[in-house]
Structures are given as structure tokens and as C-alpha cells.
Amino acid sequence: MAGGRNTKMKVAAIGLGSMGYGMAQSLIRAGHDTYGYDIVPERMQSLVDEGGKSAELADIAPDLDAAVLIVLNAAQTEAVLVGDEGILSKLKKGAVVMSCATVAPDFARSMEAKCAEVGVHYVDAPISGGAIKAAQGQLSILSSATPAAYAAAEALLDATAETVFRLGDSAGAGSAMKAVNQMLAGIHIAAMGEAITFGMTQGVDPASFVEVISKCAGTSWMLENRAPHIVAGDYTPHSAINIWLKDLGIVLDIAKGAKFGAPITAAALQQYLAAAGTGLGMEDDAAVAKVYARNAGITLPGMD
């Protein structure tokens, strides 16, 4: 069916983590019949309680106008689409798949080709903005797709994004830009952790660090967003340490394929690996600062 701002669609939101759940909420709010799927049944029931629909995915797949995939990685994306219980063979011609995981550009192109073989549109649509913006329908989507796929997905994009960057007329360009973004974001968080703990060795307390540096040239969006978590001693995961093992790993794989050296990215990844190795993998990614703190023998707010 054709997309459009006033089109009511039957949508499966597959992957109801912090980002996926918020996107599903935004789809419901926009008036779409939204079916949520996750390995955690409580998340599915919670979405139903908020107005979502319920049905077995295999049963509803032939009637879907769209599937939004907000899963963890390429392996899960591939499993959902073409695995043993994959939905691609069940989707009707003209349906659209909007794939939001951080994946390598070549993988996005391969999924687009598989979708095209059965007459299904594919939008390479990595997302940025965090869980709060996902729930508000104000994400940035770094997308690339054919004009026909964009038309089929227009109502989905309107419901979930504040800004849609259209970066090319085939899959791959969106994922390439997401890799660039994740490289910078992961480095910036690690750099913030290094700077805030370095400041503490010089008598700069974390609250003063945030107050001053956020108004100076050394700031970044990630610093302003994550450093307050350290000040509060609150490491409730909005974006977990383990995410960066995956995303910076993808970035470095892409860099290796391009024969491109990325030493700063590699150094940042080592700090996340160190954090995960000491049991911090499921804490907020601001907890990378704990690695620096422990090495320096200092205590952050909320640290034992």
C-alpha cells in the first residue's frame, strides 16, 4: 500500500528494548495498528496495555503493511527476516521493512536485495537520539532507500522521527553514516569519562566539571547528556556499556575492510571492554568513567 501522512498502517514493531518500545509507542500515538514483539513477554503485554495489538507474528505477517526492526544487530535482523522463522517470505508485495539496527553497509545492501527479490521494500534506517526521543517520536533517522521504499515508509518515518536524513537512493548509505556517528559518540563518551576523572585528580569535582565544560569549547552532546549521570551517581542504563562493544566493533570491522586505521576508536573500545570485563556491561555507558576512576584510585559519586 502507498505510504503517506494520513495513512493508517498495520505495523509489526520487532524488538521492544528502550528504543524499540519508544518507537512502538510513537506508532500507536500516530494511529497505526501496532503489534509489538520481543523475547521478553512483559514488554509485549505492556505495549498492549498502552493500545498496541496482539497476534502471533507468523499469523499477522501476511496482512502487515510494514515491519519495523529495532533489534540488536545484523544477526538478529537476518534471523527476523530470513531465518528459520523469518517473516520476509510471508510479507505481501509492496510491504516495507524499516531496519533500524546498527549494521555494516554491505549487510544493509544484502537485505535490500533479498527484500527486492520478493517485491518488498527496504529502508536502511539506523536511528539516533536515545530512548526519550524515541518515545516522543523525535528521533533522527539516518536513512537510505529507493524512492518507492521511502513512499511506502513515509507514515512510519513521520511517526517516529523529528529529522529524516535521506542519504541515498539505495541501502548502505544510511548505515555508513550511522557508523560515522557511532564512532564519534563512542569516542566522546569515553573521552568524557577520561576528562571528568582527570579533573578529579586536580581537585575539580564532577558537578563543577559539568557546569563549566558544558559552556566551553571542550563540550559535546554526549558529555552534556552523560556526565550528569556521573554527578548523580546514577548508572541506570539508558544506553549500556555493552552496546559499545557491538557498535565500535562494527565500526572497526568496517574500517578494517576499508584498510582504514582508527586508533582512537580502538582505544575507546578497549575502555568499554575493560568496563564490561569488571561487570559493568549492563550499566549506563557513562560508567566507563569507573574504569579511569579505579585506575586512578579515586571514587566517583555512587561508586562503592
C-alpha atoms as a PDB file:
ATOM      1  CA  MET A   1       0.000   0.000   0.000  1.00  0.00           C
ATOM      2  CA  ALA A   2       1.109   3.546  -0.510  1.00  0.00           C
ATOM      3  CA  GLY A   3       2.540   5.473   2.422  1.00  0.00           C
ATOM      4  CA  GLY A   4       1.594   8.948   3.500  1.00  0.00           C
ATOM      5  CA  ARG A   5       0.991  11.146   6.481  1.00  0.00           C
ATOM      6  CA  ASN A   6      -2.673  10.210   6.800  1.00  0.00           C
ATOM      7  CA  THR A   7      -2.277   6.504   6.071  1.00  0.00           C
ATOM      8  CA  LYS A   8      -3.189   4.122   8.853  1.00  0.00           C
ATOM      9  CA  MET A   9      -0.871   1.157   8.650  1.00  0.00           C
ATOM     10  CA  LYS A  10      -0.712  -2.313  10.157  1.00  0.00           C
ATOM     11  CA  VAL A  11       2.799  -2.464  11.604  1.00  0.00           C
ATOM     12  CA  ALA A  12       4.917  -5.007  13.466  1.00  0.00           C
ATOM     13  CA  ALA A  13       7.490  -3.425  15.778  1.00  0.00           C
ATOM     14  CA  ILE A  14      10.044  -6.176  16.338  1.00  0.00           C
ATOM     15  CA  GLY A  15      12.387  -5.537  19.249  1.00  0.00           C
ATOM     16  CA  LEU A  16      10.940  -3.671  22.227  1.00  0.00           C
ATOM     17  CA  GLY A  17      14.076  -2.542  24.007  1.00  0.00           C
ATOM     18  CA  SER A  18      14.472   1.028  25.191  1.00  0.00           C
ATOM     19  CA  MET A  19      14.486   2.392  21.638  1.00  0.00           C
ATOM     20  CA  GLY A  20      12.051  -0.059  20.084  1.00  0.00           C
ATOM     21  CA  TYR A  21       9.455   0.350  22.795  1.00  0.00           C
ATOM     22  CA  GLY A  22       9.516   4.118  22.393  1.00  0.00           C
ATOM     23  CA  MET A  23       9.169   3.828  18.632  1.00  0.00           C
ATOM     24  CA  ALA A  24       6.232   1.463  19.069  1.00  0.00           C
ATOM     25  CA  GLN A  25       4.598   3.977  21.414  1.00  0.00           C
ATOM     26  CA  SER A  26       5.053   6.677  18.781  1.00  0.00           C
ATOM     27  CA  LEU A  27       3.484   4.471  16.112  1.00  0.00           C
ATOM     28  CA  ILE A  28       0.465   3.833  18.356  1.00  0.00           C
ATOM     29  CA  ARG A  29       0.138   7.537  19.091  1.00  0.00           C
ATOM     30  CA  ALA A  30       0.146   8.248  15.351  1.00  0.00           C
ATOM     31  CA  GLY A  31      -2.856   5.952  14.932  1.00  0.00           C
ATOM     32  CA  HIS A  32      -1.221   2.876  13.423  1.00  0.00           C
ATOM     33  CA  ASP A  33      -2.299  -0.660  14.328  1.00  0.00           C
ATOM     34  CA  THR A  34       0.917  -1.646  16.053  1.00  0.00           C
ATOM     35  CA  TYR A  35       1.842  -5.200  17.023  1.00  0.00           C
ATOM     36  CA  GLY A  36       4.859  -5.443  19.325  1.00  0.00           C
ATOM     37  CA  TYR A  37       7.243  -8.422  19.510  1.00  0.00           C
ATOM     38  CA  ASP A  38      10.096  -9.104  21.890  1.00  0.00           C
ATOM     39  CA  ILE A  39      11.778 -12.018  23.649  1.00  0.00           C
ATOM     40  CA  VAL A  40      10.513 -10.522  26.937  1.00  0.00           C
ATOM     41  CA  PRO A  41       6.754 -11.211  27.083  1.00  0.00           C
ATOM     42  CA  GLU A  42       6.169  -8.478  29.682  1.00  0.00           C
ATOM     43  CA  ARG A  43       7.214  -5.814  27.185  1.00  0.00           C
ATOM     44  CA  MET A  44       4.717  -7.129  24.670  1.00  0.00           C
ATOM     45  CA  GLN A  45       1.927  -7.105  27.228  1.00  0.00           C
ATOM     46  CA  SER A  46       2.891  -3.625  28.373  1.00  0.00           C
ATOM     47  CA  LEU A  47       2.550  -2.349  24.811  1.00  0.00           C
ATOM     48  CA  VAL A  48      -0.883  -3.972  24.515  1.00  0.00           C
ATOM     49  CA  ASP A  49      -1.864  -2.184  27.722  1.00  0.00           C
ATOM     50  CA  GLU A  50      -0.873   1.078  26.028  1.00  0.00           C
ATOM     51  CA  GLY A  51      -3.007   0.442  22.955  1.00  0.00           C
ATOM     52  CA  GLY A  52      -0.930  -1.997  20.954  1.00  0.00           C
ATOM     53  CA  LYS A  53      -2.370  -5.026  19.183  1.00  0.00           C
ATOM     54  CA  SER A  54      -1.706  -8.690  19.894  1.00  0.00           C
ATOM     55  CA  ALA A  55      -1.331 -11.589  17.466  1.00  0.00           C
ATOM     56  CA  GLU A  56       1.170 -14.288  16.592  1.00  0.00           C
ATOM     57  CA  LEU A  57       3.735 -12.770  14.220  1.00  0.00           C
ATOM     58  CA  ALA A  58       3.517 -15.652  11.770  1.00  0.00           C
ATOM     59  CA  ASP A  59      -0.261 -15.252  11.621  1.00  0.00           C
ATOM     60  CA  ILE A  60      -0.314 -11.491  11.140  1.00  0.00           C
ATOM     61  CA  ALA A  61       2.709 -11.215   8.801  1.00  0.00           C
ATOM     62  CA  PRO A  62       0.750 -11.644   5.528  1.00  0.00           C
ATOM     63  CA  ASP A  63      -1.511  -8.740   6.498  1.00  0.00           C
ATOM     64  CA  LEU A  64       1.247  -6.353   7.541  1.00  0.00           C
ATOM     65  CA  ASP A  65       1.911  -3.151   5.662  1.00  0.00           C
ATOM     66  CA  ALA A  66       5.230  -2.702   7.422  1.00  0.00           C
ATOM     67  CA  ALA A  67       7.741  -4.291   9.763  1.00  0.00           C
ATOM     68  CA  VAL A  68       9.991  -2.046  11.841  1.00  0.00           C
ATOM     69  CA  LEU A  69      13.060  -3.946  13.055  1.00  0.00           C
ATOM     70  CA  ILE A  70      14.632  -2.453  16.184  1.00  0.00           C
ATOM     71  CA  VAL A  71      16.744  -5.462  17.115  1.00  0.00           C
ATOM     72  CA  LEU A  72      20.307  -5.564  18.396  1.00  0.00           C
ATOM     73  CA  ASN A  73      22.472  -6.343  15.388  1.00  0.00           C
ATOM     74  CA  ALA A  74      22.835  -7.794  11.906  1.00  0.00           C
ATOM     75  CA  ALA A  75      22.465 -11.399  13.082  1.00  0.00           C
ATOM     76  CA  GLN A  76      19.105 -10.673  14.692  1.00  0.00           C
ATOM     77  CA  THR A  77      17.978  -8.615  11.691  1.00  0.00           C
ATOM     78  CA  GLU A  78      18.802 -11.505   9.380  1.00  0.00           C
ATOM     79  CA  ALA A  79      17.077 -14.006  11.666  1.00  0.00           C
ATOM     80  CA  VAL A  80      13.876 -11.951  11.764  1.00  0.00           C
ATOM     81  CA  LEU A  81      13.789 -11.571   8.009  1.00  0.00           C
ATOM     82  CA  VAL A  82      15.201 -14.772   6.509  1.00  0.00           C
ATOM     83  CA  GLY A  83      15.901 -17.154   9.404  1.00  0.00           C
ATOM     84  CA  ASP A  84      14.058 -20.389  10.072  1.00  0.00           C
ATOM     85  CA  GLU A  85      11.020 -18.415  11.203  1.00  0.00           C
ATOM     86  CA  GLY A  86      11.749 -15.359   9.098  1.00  0.00           C
ATOM     87  CA  ILE A  87       8.878 -13.146   8.049  1.00  0.00           C
ATOM     88  CA  LEU A  88      10.128 -11.988   4.653  1.00  0.00           C
ATOM     89  CA  SER A  89       8.602 -14.886   2.754  1.00  0.00           C
ATOM     90  CA  LYS A  90       5.254 -14.169   4.433  1.00  0.00           C
ATOM     91  CA  LEU A  91       5.074 -10.419   3.756  1.00  0.00           C
ATOM     92  CA  LYS A  92       2.878  -9.254   0.906  1.00  0.00           C
ATOM     93  CA  LYS A  93       4.290  -7.496  -2.122  1.00  0.00           C
ATOM     94  CA  GLY A  94       4.502  -3.768  -1.536  1.00  0.00           C
ATOM     95  CA  ALA A  95       5.054  -4.099   2.210  1.00  0.00           C
ATOM     96  CA  VAL A  96       8.030  -2.239   3.641  1.00  0.00           C
ATOM     97  CA  VAL A  97      10.766  -3.282   6.057  1.00  0.00           C
ATOM     98  CA  MET A  98      12.328  -0.447   8.046  1.00  0.00           C
ATOM     99  CA  SER A  99      15.575  -1.752   9.525  1.00  0.00           C
ATOM    100  CA  CYS A 100      16.964   0.301  12.431  1.00  0.00           C
ATOM    101  CA  ALA A 101      19.861  -1.717  13.888  1.00  0.00           C
ATOM    102  CA  THR A 102      23.443  -0.555  13.516  1.00  0.00           C
ATOM    103  CA  VAL A 103      24.871  -2.803  10.791  1.00  0.00           C
ATOM    104  CA  ALA A 104      27.595  -2.718   8.174  1.00  0.00           C
ATOM    105  CA  PRO A 105      26.631  -1.060   4.860  1.00  0.00           C
ATOM    106  CA  ASP A 106      27.248  -4.277   2.896  1.00  0.00           C
ATOM    107  CA  PHE A 107      24.820  -6.118   5.159  1.00  0.00           C
ATOM    108  CA  ALA A 108      22.139  -3.464   4.568  1.00  0.00           C
ATOM    109  CA  ARG A 109      22.616  -3.831   0.833  1.00  0.00           C
ATOM    110  CA  SER A 110      22.280  -7.602   1.058  1.00  0.00           C
ATOM    111  CA  MET A 111      18.999  -7.323   2.997  1.00  0.00           C
ATOM    112  CA  GLU A 112      17.662  -4.814   0.482  1.00  0.00           C
ATOM    113  CA  ALA A 113      18.424  -7.272  -2.325  1.00  0.00           C
ATOM    114  CA  LYS A 114      16.656 -10.131  -0.529  1.00  0.00           C
ATOM    115  CA  CYS A 115      13.607  -7.954   0.018  1.00  0.00           C
ATOM    116  CA  ALA A 116      13.574  -6.815  -3.612  1.00  0.00           C
ATOM    117  CA  GLU A 117      13.530 -10.452  -4.771  1.00  0.00           C
ATOM    118  CA  VAL A 118      10.062 -10.886  -3.225  1.00  0.00           C
ATOM    119  CA  GLY A 119       8.692  -7.421  -4.010  1.00  0.00           C
ATOM    120  CA  VAL A 120       9.155  -5.985  -0.518  1.00  0.00           C
ATOM    121  CA  HIS A 121      10.584  -2.505   0.031  1.00  0.00           C
ATOM    122  CA  TYR A 122      13.550  -1.980   2.368  1.00  0.00           C
ATOM    123  CA  VAL A 123      14.583   1.185   4.168  1.00  0.00           C
ATOM    124  CA  ASP A 124      18.075   1.307   5.639  1.00  0.00           C
ATOM    125  CA  ALA A 125      17.098   3.349   8.709  1.00  0.00           C
ATOM    126  CA  PRO A 126      19.585   3.452  11.597  1.00  0.00           C
ATOM    127  CA  ILE A 127      18.358   5.638  14.441  1.00  0.00           C
ATOM    128  CA  SER A 128      19.927   8.184  16.768  1.00  0.00           C
ATOM    129  CA  GLY A 129      18.620  10.200  19.682  1.00  0.00           C
ATOM    130  CA  GLY A 130      18.089   7.907  22.652  1.00  0.00           C
ATOM    131  CA  ALA A 131      15.133   6.328  24.419  1.00  0.00           C
ATOM    132  CA  ILE A 132      13.420   9.573  25.425  1.00  0.00           C
ATOM    133  CA  LYS A 133      13.345  10.913  21.877  1.00  0.00           C
ATOM    134  CA  ALA A 134      12.194   7.509  20.633  1.00  0.00           C
ATOM    135  CA  ALA A 135       9.173   7.732  22.936  1.00  0.00           C
ATOM    136  CA  GLN A 136       8.487  11.268  21.782  1.00  0.00           C
ATOM    137  CA  GLY A 137       8.671  10.413  18.082  1.00  0.00           C
ATOM    138  CA  GLN A 138      11.631  12.772  17.727  1.00  0.00           C
ATOM    139  CA  LEU A 139      14.465  10.542  16.584  1.00  0.00           C
ATOM    140  CA  SER A 140      16.966  11.350  13.890  1.00  0.00           C
ATOM    141  CA  ILE A 141      16.890   8.646  11.230  1.00  0.00           C
ATOM    142  CA  LEU A 142      19.944   8.245   9.004  1.00  0.00           C
ATOM    143  CA  SER A 143      18.247   6.646   6.055  1.00  0.00           C
ATOM    144  CA  SER A 144      18.750   5.493   2.518  1.00  0.00           C
ATOM    145  CA  ALA A 145      16.251   3.727   0.257  1.00  0.00           C
ATOM    146  CA  THR A 146      14.670   3.719  -3.157  1.00  0.00           C
ATOM    147  CA  PRO A 147      12.051   6.411  -3.822  1.00  0.00           C
ATOM    148  CA  ALA A 148       9.362   3.709  -3.769  1.00  0.00           C
ATOM    149  CA  ALA A 149      10.545   2.449  -0.385  1.00  0.00           C
ATOM    150  CA  TYR A 150      10.503   5.983   1.002  1.00  0.00           C
ATOM    151  CA  ALA A 151       6.938   6.416  -0.224  1.00  0.00           C
ATOM    152  CA  ALA A 152       5.891   3.146   1.423  1.00  0.00           C
ATOM    153  CA  ALA A 153       7.565   4.126   4.712  1.00  0.00           C
ATOM    154  CA  GLU A 154       6.558   7.795   4.822  1.00  0.00           C
ATOM    155  CA  ALA A 155       3.940   7.376   7.549  1.00  0.00           C
ATOM    156  CA  LEU A 156       6.383   5.356   9.676  1.00  0.00           C
ATOM    157  CA  LEU A 157       9.076   7.990   9.359  1.00  0.00           C
ATOM    158  CA  ASP A 158       6.616  10.766  10.188  1.00  0.00           C
ATOM    159  CA  ALA A 159       5.515   8.942  13.327  1.00  0.00           C
ATOM    160  CA  THR A 160       8.957   8.152  14.717  1.00  0.00           C
ATOM    161  CA  ALA A 161      11.332  10.891  13.607  1.00  0.00           C
ATOM    162  CA  GLU A 162      11.857  14.578  14.030  1.00  0.00           C
ATOM    163  CA  THR A 163      14.542  14.582  11.347  1.00  0.00           C
ATOM    164  CA  VAL A 164      14.895  12.118   8.488  1.00  0.00           C
ATOM    165  CA  PHE A 165      18.168  12.364   6.618  1.00  0.00           C
ATOM    166  CA  ARG A 166      17.742  10.936   3.114  1.00  0.00           C
ATOM    167  CA  LEU A 167      21.276   9.951   2.219  1.00  0.00           C
ATOM    168  CA  GLY A 168      20.892   7.900  -0.923  1.00  0.00           C
ATOM    169  CA  ASP A 169      18.533   6.016  -3.217  1.00  0.00           C
ATOM    170  CA  SER A 170      19.637   2.551  -2.120  1.00  0.00           C
ATOM    171  CA  ALA A 171      20.555   0.840   1.141  1.00  0.00           C
ATOM    172  CA  GLY A 172      24.025   1.236   2.627  1.00  0.00           C
ATOM    173  CA  ALA A 173      24.459   4.992   2.825  1.00  0.00           C
ATOM    174  CA  GLY A 174      22.341   5.235   5.967  1.00  0.00           C
ATOM    175  CA  SER A 175      24.350   2.543   7.712  1.00  0.00           C
ATOM    176  CA  ALA A 176      27.614   4.157   6.635  1.00  0.00           C
ATOM    177  CA  MET A 177      26.589   7.452   8.224  1.00  0.00           C
ATOM    178  CA  LYS A 178      25.467   5.648  11.396  1.00  0.00           C
ATOM    179  CA  ALA A 179      28.922   4.081  11.648  1.00  0.00           C
ATOM    180  CA  VAL A 180      30.472   7.550  11.472  1.00  0.00           C
ATOM    181  CA  ASN A 181      28.070   8.780  14.167  1.00  0.00           C
ATOM    182  CA  GLN A 182      28.758   5.801  16.432  1.00  0.00           C
ATOM    183  CA  MET A 183      32.490   6.246  16.045  1.00  0.00           C
ATOM    184  CA  LEU A 184      32.210   9.802  17.343  1.00  0.00           C
ATOM    185  CA  ALA A 185      29.596   9.071  20.005  1.00  0.00           C
ATOM    186  CA  GLY A 186      31.554   6.177  21.488  1.00  0.00           C
ATOM    187  CA  ILE A 187      34.779   8.175  21.496  1.00  0.00           C
ATOM    188  CA  HIS A 188      33.060  11.191  23.059  1.00  0.00           C
ATOM    189  CA  ILE A 189      31.637   9.185  25.970  1.00  0.00           C
ATOM    190  CA  ALA A 190      34.994   7.557  26.688  1.00  0.00           C
ATOM    191  CA  ALA A 191      36.719  10.946  26.394  1.00  0.00           C
ATOM    192  CA  MET A 192      34.193  12.433  28.822  1.00  0.00           C
ATOM    193  CA  GLY A 193      34.959   9.648  31.296  1.00  0.00           C
ATOM    194  CA  GLU A 194      38.664  10.309  30.953  1.00  0.00           C
ATOM    195  CA  ALA A 195      38.286  14.074  31.330  1.00  0.00           C
ATOM    196  CA  ILE A 196      35.906  14.066  34.297  1.00  0.00           C
ATOM    197  CA  THR A 197      38.140  11.695  36.263  1.00  0.00           C
ATOM    198  CA  PHE A 198      41.315  13.564  35.257  1.00  0.00           C
ATOM    199  CA  GLY A 199      39.662  16.705  36.579  1.00  0.00           C
ATOM    200  CA  MET A 200      39.006  14.988  39.896  1.00  0.00           C
ATOM    201  CA  THR A 201      42.723  14.259  40.287  1.00  0.00           C
ATOM    202  CA  GLN A 202      43.220  18.021  40.046  1.00  0.00           C
ATOM    203  CA  GLY A 203      40.524  18.933  42.530  1.00  0.00           C
ATOM    204  CA  VAL A 204      37.732  19.567  40.002  1.00  0.00           C
ATOM    205  CA  ASP A 205      34.563  17.955  41.327  1.00  0.00           C
ATOM    206  CA  PRO A 206      32.165  16.365  38.802  1.00  0.00           C
ATOM    207  CA  ALA A 207      29.393  18.934  39.306  1.00  0.00           C
ATOM    208  CA  SER A 208      31.778  21.810  38.583  1.00  0.00           C
ATOM    209  CA  PHE A 209      33.112  19.923  35.576  1.00  0.00           C
ATOM    210  CA  VAL A 210      29.614  19.720  34.078  1.00  0.00           C
ATOM    211  CA  GLU A 211      28.776  23.330  34.902  1.00  0.00           C
ATOM    212  CA  VAL A 212      31.912  24.761  33.323  1.00  0.00           C
ATOM    213  CA  ILE A 213      32.893  22.418  30.494  1.00  0.00           C
ATOM    214  CA  SER A 214      29.353  22.281  29.117  1.00  0.00           C
ATOM    215  CA  LYS A 215      29.771  26.018  28.392  1.00  0.00           C
ATOM    216  CA  CYS A 216      33.279  25.688  26.941  1.00  0.00           C
ATOM    217  CA  ALA A 217      34.790  24.534  23.666  1.00  0.00           C
ATOM    218  CA  GLY A 218      35.559  21.085  25.060  1.00  0.00           C
ATOM    219  CA  THR A 219      31.913  20.119  25.366  1.00  0.00           C
ATOM    220  CA  SER A 220      29.945  17.651  23.263  1.00  0.00           C
ATOM    221  CA  TRP A 221      26.342  16.457  23.185  1.00  0.00           C
ATOM    222  CA  MET A 222      27.455  13.195  24.743  1.00  0.00           C
ATOM    223  CA  LEU A 223      29.292  14.999  27.541  1.00  0.00           C
ATOM    224  CA  GLU A 224      26.267  17.130  28.343  1.00  0.00           C
ATOM    225  CA  ASN A 225      23.971  14.093  28.255  1.00  0.00           C
ATOM    226  CA  ARG A 226      26.112  11.529  30.093  1.00  0.00           C
ATOM    227  CA  ALA A 227      28.249  13.467  32.584  1.00  0.00           C
ATOM    228  CA  PRO A 228      25.182  14.379  34.710  1.00  0.00           C
ATOM    229  CA  HIS A 229      24.666  10.621  35.253  1.00  0.00           C
ATOM    230  CA  ILE A 230      28.068  10.546  36.929  1.00  0.00           C
ATOM    231  CA  VAL A 231      27.292  13.607  39.052  1.00  0.00           C
ATOM    232  CA  ALA A 232      24.078  11.917  40.210  1.00  0.00           C
ATOM    233  CA  GLY A 233      25.813   8.576  40.767  1.00  0.00           C
ATOM    234  CA  ASP A 234      23.002   7.037  38.719  1.00  0.00           C
ATOM    235  CA  TYR A 235      24.083   4.357  36.279  1.00  0.00           C
ATOM    236  CA  THR A 236      20.619   3.119  35.326  1.00  0.00           C
ATOM    237  CA  PRO A 237      21.197   2.032  31.716  1.00  0.00           C
ATOM    238  CA  HIS A 238      19.721   4.370  29.123  1.00  0.00           C
ATOM    239  CA  SER A 239      22.402   3.070  26.767  1.00  0.00           C
ATOM    240  CA  ALA A 240      24.505   0.280  28.231  1.00  0.00           C
ATOM    241  CA  ILE A 241      28.266  -0.264  28.123  1.00  0.00           C
ATOM    242  CA  ASN A 242      27.690  -3.468  26.146  1.00  0.00           C
ATOM    243  CA  ILE A 243      26.153  -1.519  23.258  1.00  0.00           C
ATOM    244  CA  TRP A 244      29.570  -0.029  22.540  1.00  0.00           C
ATOM    245  CA  LEU A 245      31.278  -3.393  22.368  1.00  0.00           C
ATOM    246  CA  LYS A 246      28.900  -4.126  19.498  1.00  0.00           C
ATOM    247  CA  ASP A 247      28.808  -0.744  17.775  1.00  0.00           C
ATOM    248  CA  LEU A 248      32.503   0.134  17.959  1.00  0.00           C
ATOM    249  CA  GLY A 249      33.231  -3.444  16.949  1.00  0.00           C
ATOM    250  CA  ILE A 250      31.135  -2.879  13.820  1.00  0.00           C
ATOM    251  CA  VAL A 251      32.903   0.418  13.150  1.00  0.00           C
ATOM    252  CA  LEU A 252      36.319  -1.226  13.400  1.00  0.00           C
ATOM    253  CA  ASP A 253      35.227  -4.115  11.165  1.00  0.00           C
ATOM    254  CA  ILE A 254      34.135  -1.614   8.530  1.00  0.00           C
ATOM    255  CA  ALA A 255      37.397   0.305   8.950  1.00  0.00           C
ATOM    256  CA  LYS A 256      39.405  -2.892   8.553  1.00  0.00           C
ATOM    257  CA  GLY A 257      37.545  -3.683   5.344  1.00  0.00           C
ATOM    258  CA  ALA A 258      38.388  -0.213   4.057  1.00  0.00           C
ATOM    259  CA  LYS A 259      42.040  -0.590   5.180  1.00  0.00           C
ATOM    260  CA  PHE A 260      41.466   2.483   7.347  1.00  0.00           C
ATOM    261  CA  GLY A 261      43.327   2.890  10.622  1.00  0.00           C
ATOM    262  CA  ALA A 262      41.100   4.062  13.508  1.00  0.00           C
ATOM    263  CA  PRO A 263      43.367   4.101  16.560  1.00  0.00           C
ATOM    264  CA  ILE A 264      41.238   6.453  18.693  1.00  0.00           C
ATOM    265  CA  THR A 265      38.187   4.263  18.138  1.00  0.00           C
ATOM    266  CA  ALA A 266      40.217   1.197  19.068  1.00  0.00           C
ATOM    267  CA  ALA A 267      41.423   2.865  22.266  1.00  0.00           C
ATOM    268  CA  ALA A 268      37.865   3.814  23.230  1.00  0.00           C
ATOM    269  CA  LEU A 269      36.692   0.246  22.613  1.00  0.00           C
ATOM    270  CA  GLN A 270      39.382  -1.043  24.985  1.00  0.00           C
ATOM    271  CA  GLN A 271      37.929   1.101  27.776  1.00  0.00           C
ATOM    272  CA  TYR A 272      34.428  -0.297  27.201  1.00  0.00           C
ATOM    273  CA  LEU A 273      35.874  -3.821  27.137  1.00  0.00           C
ATOM    274  CA  ALA A 274      37.619  -3.115  30.430  1.00  0.00           C
ATOM    275  CA  ALA A 275      34.345  -1.851  31.892  1.00  0.00           C
ATOM    276  CA  ALA A 276      32.429  -4.910  30.704  1.00  0.00           C
ATOM    277  CA  GLY A 277      35.182  -7.178  31.986  1.00  0.00           C
ATOM    278  CA  THR A 278      34.725  -5.791  35.506  1.00  0.00           C
ATOM    279  CA  GLY A 279      30.987  -6.426  35.487  1.00  0.00           C
ATOM    280  CA  LEU A 280      29.747  -3.045  34.267  1.00  0.00           C
ATOM    281  CA  GLY A 281      28.386  -4.202  30.911  1.00  0.00           C
ATOM    282  CA  MET A 282      24.725  -3.620  31.770  1.00  0.00           C
ATOM    283  CA  GLU A 283      25.294  -0.268  33.468  1.00  0.00           C
ATOM    284  CA  ASP A 284      24.810   3.057  31.691  1.00  0.00           C
ATOM    285  CA  ASP A 285      27.668   3.788  29.305  1.00  0.00           C
ATOM    286  CA  ALA A 286      28.698   6.736  31.489  1.00  0.00           C
ATOM    287  CA  ALA A 287      30.066   4.010  33.788  1.00  0.00           C
ATOM    288  CA  VAL A 288      33.115   3.826  31.509  1.00  0.00           C
ATOM    289  CA  ALA A 289      34.378   6.585  33.808  1.00  0.00           C
ATOM    290  CA  LYS A 290      34.629   3.979  36.571  1.00  0.00           C
ATOM    291  CA  VAL A 291      37.494   2.331  34.702  1.00  0.00           C
ATOM    292  CA  TYR A 292      39.502   5.544  34.853  1.00  0.00           C
ATOM    293  CA  ALA A 293      38.476   6.173  38.468  1.00  0.00           C
ATOM    294  CA  ARG A 294      39.579   2.758  39.661  1.00  0.00           C
ATOM    295  CA  ASN A 295      42.882   3.038  37.827  1.00  0.00           C
ATOM    296  CA  ALA A 296      43.469   6.435  39.451  1.00  0.00           C
ATOM    297  CA  GLY A 297      42.320   5.340  42.905  1.00  0.00           C
ATOM    298  CA  ILE A 298      39.506   7.867  43.098  1.00  0.00           C
ATOM    299  CA  THR A 299      35.840   7.433  43.959  1.00  0.00           C
ATOM    300  CA  LEU A 300      33.021   8.683  41.759  1.00  0.00           C
ATOM    301  CA  PRO A 301      29.571   9.531  43.143  1.00  0.00           C
ATOM    302  CA  GLY A 302      27.681   6.282  43.624  1.00  0.00           C
ATOM    303  CA  MET A 303      30.813   4.119  43.473  1.00  0.00           C
ATOM    304  CA  ASP A 304      31.415   1.538  46.174  1.00  0.00           C
END
